[in-house]
N, C-alpha and C. Protein backbone atom coordinates (compact mmCIF):
# COMPACT_ATOMS: atom_id res chain seq x y z
N UNK A 1 0.85 -1.15 0.00
CA UNK A 1 0.00 0.00 0.00
C UNK A 1 0.90 1.22 0.00
N UNK A 2 0.59 2.23 -0.81
CA UNK A 2 1.35 3.47 -0.84
C UNK A 2 0.53 4.55 -0.17
N UNK A 3 1.11 5.17 0.87
CA UNK A 3 0.48 6.26 1.60
C UNK A 3 1.48 7.40 1.64
N UNK A 4 1.09 8.54 1.08
CA UNK A 4 1.94 9.73 1.05
C UNK A 4 3.34 9.40 0.52
N UNK A 5 3.40 8.59 -0.53
CA UNK A 5 4.65 8.29 -1.20
C UNK A 5 5.50 7.20 -0.56
N UNK A 6 5.10 6.67 0.60
CA UNK A 6 5.84 5.60 1.26
C UNK A 6 5.09 4.29 1.09
N UNK A 7 5.83 3.20 0.94
CA UNK A 7 5.22 1.89 0.77
C UNK A 7 5.12 1.20 2.13
N UNK A 8 3.91 0.75 2.47
CA UNK A 8 3.64 0.09 3.74
C UNK A 8 3.06 -1.30 3.50
N UNK A 9 3.34 -2.20 4.41
CA UNK A 9 2.65 -3.48 4.47
C UNK A 9 1.73 -3.39 5.68
N UNK A 10 0.45 -3.71 5.47
CA UNK A 10 -0.56 -3.55 6.52
C UNK A 10 -1.26 -4.87 6.80
N UNK A 11 -1.74 -5.01 8.04
CA UNK A 11 -2.58 -6.15 8.36
C UNK A 11 -3.54 -5.77 9.47
N UNK A 12 -4.61 -6.55 9.59
CA UNK A 12 -5.61 -6.36 10.64
C UNK A 12 -6.03 -7.72 11.16
N UNK A 13 -6.44 -7.75 12.42
CA UNK A 13 -6.99 -8.99 12.98
C UNK A 13 -8.48 -9.04 12.66
N UNK A 14 -8.94 -10.18 12.20
CA UNK A 14 -10.35 -10.36 11.87
C UNK A 14 -10.79 -11.72 12.41
N UNK A 15 -11.45 -11.69 13.55
CA UNK A 15 -11.96 -12.92 14.16
C UNK A 15 -10.85 -13.96 14.35
N UNK A 16 -9.71 -13.50 14.90
CA UNK A 16 -8.62 -14.41 15.19
C UNK A 16 -7.73 -14.75 14.02
N UNK A 17 -8.04 -14.23 12.84
CA UNK A 17 -7.23 -14.47 11.65
C UNK A 17 -6.65 -13.15 11.16
N UNK A 18 -5.62 -13.23 10.37
CA UNK A 18 -5.01 -12.03 9.80
C UNK A 18 -5.74 -11.67 8.51
N UNK A 19 -6.10 -10.39 8.38
CA UNK A 19 -6.75 -9.91 7.16
C UNK A 19 -5.80 -8.97 6.44
N UNK A 20 -5.63 -9.18 5.14
CA UNK A 20 -4.79 -8.32 4.32
C UNK A 20 -5.68 -7.40 3.51
N UNK A 21 -5.21 -6.18 3.29
CA UNK A 21 -5.97 -5.19 2.53
C UNK A 21 -5.72 -5.38 1.04
N UNK A 22 -6.80 -5.53 0.27
CA UNK A 22 -6.68 -5.68 -1.18
C UNK A 22 -6.18 -4.38 -1.80
N UNK A 23 -5.47 -4.51 -2.91
CA UNK A 23 -4.99 -3.32 -3.61
C UNK A 23 -6.16 -2.49 -4.09
N UNK A 24 -6.01 -1.17 -4.03
CA UNK A 24 -7.07 -0.27 -4.48
C UNK A 24 -6.87 1.11 -3.89
N UNK A 25 -7.76 2.04 -4.24
CA UNK A 25 -7.74 3.39 -3.69
C UNK A 25 -8.78 3.47 -2.57
N UNK A 26 -8.34 3.92 -1.40
CA UNK A 26 -9.21 3.99 -0.23
C UNK A 26 -9.04 5.34 0.45
N UNK A 27 -10.07 5.76 1.15
CA UNK A 27 -9.94 6.89 2.06
C UNK A 27 -9.35 6.33 3.34
N UNK A 28 -8.36 7.02 3.88
CA UNK A 28 -7.70 6.52 5.09
C UNK A 28 -7.26 7.69 5.95
N UNK A 29 -7.17 7.43 7.25
CA UNK A 29 -6.60 8.42 8.16
C UNK A 29 -5.76 7.69 9.19
N UNK A 30 -4.68 8.34 9.60
CA UNK A 30 -3.82 7.75 10.63
C UNK A 30 -4.49 8.00 11.98
N UNK A 31 -4.70 6.92 12.74
CA UNK A 31 -5.36 7.03 14.04
C UNK A 31 -4.41 6.74 15.19
N UNK A 32 -3.21 6.24 14.88
CA UNK A 32 -2.21 6.01 15.93
C UNK A 32 -0.83 6.21 15.32
N UNK A 33 0.02 6.94 16.03
CA UNK A 33 1.40 7.17 15.59
C UNK A 33 2.25 7.31 16.84
N UNK A 34 2.79 6.19 17.32
CA UNK A 34 3.54 6.15 18.57
C UNK A 34 5.02 5.93 18.25
N UNK A 35 5.87 6.78 18.78
CA UNK A 35 7.32 6.64 18.63
C UNK A 35 7.92 6.54 20.03
N UNK A 36 8.23 5.32 20.45
CA UNK A 36 8.78 5.09 21.78
C UNK A 36 10.20 5.64 21.90
N UNK A 37 10.95 5.58 20.80
CA UNK A 37 12.33 6.05 20.78
C UNK A 37 12.72 6.27 19.32
N UNK A 38 14.00 6.45 19.04
CA UNK A 38 14.45 6.75 17.67
C UNK A 38 14.38 5.56 16.72
N UNK A 39 14.21 4.34 17.22
CA UNK A 39 14.24 3.17 16.35
C UNK A 39 12.99 2.31 16.39
N UNK A 40 11.98 2.67 17.17
CA UNK A 40 10.72 1.92 17.23
C UNK A 40 9.53 2.85 17.01
N UNK A 41 8.58 2.37 16.23
CA UNK A 41 7.34 3.13 16.06
C UNK A 41 6.19 2.16 15.81
N UNK A 42 4.99 2.65 16.04
CA UNK A 42 3.78 1.88 15.81
C UNK A 42 2.76 2.81 15.17
N UNK A 43 2.24 2.40 14.01
CA UNK A 43 1.25 3.23 13.31
C UNK A 43 0.05 2.39 12.93
N UNK A 44 -1.13 3.00 13.05
CA UNK A 44 -2.37 2.36 12.66
C UNK A 44 -3.17 3.34 11.80
N UNK A 45 -3.73 2.81 10.72
CA UNK A 45 -4.57 3.60 9.82
C UNK A 45 -5.97 3.01 9.82
N UNK A 46 -6.97 3.88 9.71
CA UNK A 46 -8.35 3.45 9.57
C UNK A 46 -8.77 3.69 8.12
N UNK A 47 -9.21 2.65 7.45
CA UNK A 47 -9.61 2.72 6.06
C UNK A 47 -11.13 2.68 5.94
N UNK A 48 -11.67 3.48 5.03
CA UNK A 48 -13.10 3.45 4.76
C UNK A 48 -13.30 2.82 3.39
N UNK A 49 -14.22 1.87 3.34
CA UNK A 49 -14.50 1.13 2.11
C UNK A 49 -15.72 1.70 1.40
N UNK A 50 -15.95 1.27 0.18
CA UNK A 50 -17.04 1.79 -0.65
C UNK A 50 -18.41 1.63 0.01
N UNK A 51 -18.58 0.59 0.83
CA UNK A 51 -19.88 0.37 1.48
C UNK A 51 -20.03 1.18 2.77
N UNK A 52 -19.04 2.04 3.09
CA UNK A 52 -19.10 2.89 4.27
C UNK A 52 -18.49 2.27 5.52
N UNK A 53 -18.20 0.98 5.48
CA UNK A 53 -17.58 0.32 6.63
C UNK A 53 -16.13 0.74 6.76
N UNK A 54 -15.62 0.66 7.99
CA UNK A 54 -14.22 0.99 8.25
C UNK A 54 -13.54 -0.16 8.96
N UNK A 55 -12.21 -0.19 8.83
CA UNK A 55 -11.42 -1.18 9.54
C UNK A 55 -10.04 -0.60 9.78
N UNK A 56 -9.47 -0.92 10.92
CA UNK A 56 -8.14 -0.44 11.26
C UNK A 56 -7.10 -1.47 10.84
N UNK A 57 -6.02 -0.97 10.24
CA UNK A 57 -4.89 -1.80 9.80
C UNK A 57 -3.63 -1.26 10.43
N UNK A 58 -2.80 -2.16 10.91
CA UNK A 58 -1.53 -1.81 11.54
C UNK A 58 -0.40 -1.96 10.54
N UNK A 59 0.54 -1.01 10.56
CA UNK A 59 1.72 -1.07 9.71
C UNK A 59 2.65 -2.16 10.25
N UNK A 60 2.99 -3.14 9.40
CA UNK A 60 3.90 -4.21 9.82
C UNK A 60 5.19 -4.19 9.01
N UNK A 61 5.27 -3.29 8.01
CA UNK A 61 6.48 -3.18 7.20
C UNK A 61 6.47 -1.87 6.45
N UNK A 62 7.66 -1.31 6.17
CA UNK A 62 7.77 -0.05 5.47
C UNK A 62 9.02 -0.03 4.60
N UNK A 63 8.89 0.47 3.36
CA UNK A 63 10.04 0.66 2.48
C UNK A 63 9.93 2.03 1.84
N UNK A 64 11.02 2.52 1.34
CA UNK A 64 11.04 3.82 0.65
C UNK A 64 10.73 3.65 -0.80
């Protein structure tokens, strides 16, 4: 997934299983951005789908 020019790998928990986000254009907003120190961070985005439903996805990987 590309967000603001950066490539992210995202996942969400769905009833005890891992859910991956399908490729596409989505409305999204960052709802969590925690930086414990200079080398660790945690980010979560909330995506809105065409049917109006939303789901939160956590960043599990990032590349430039």
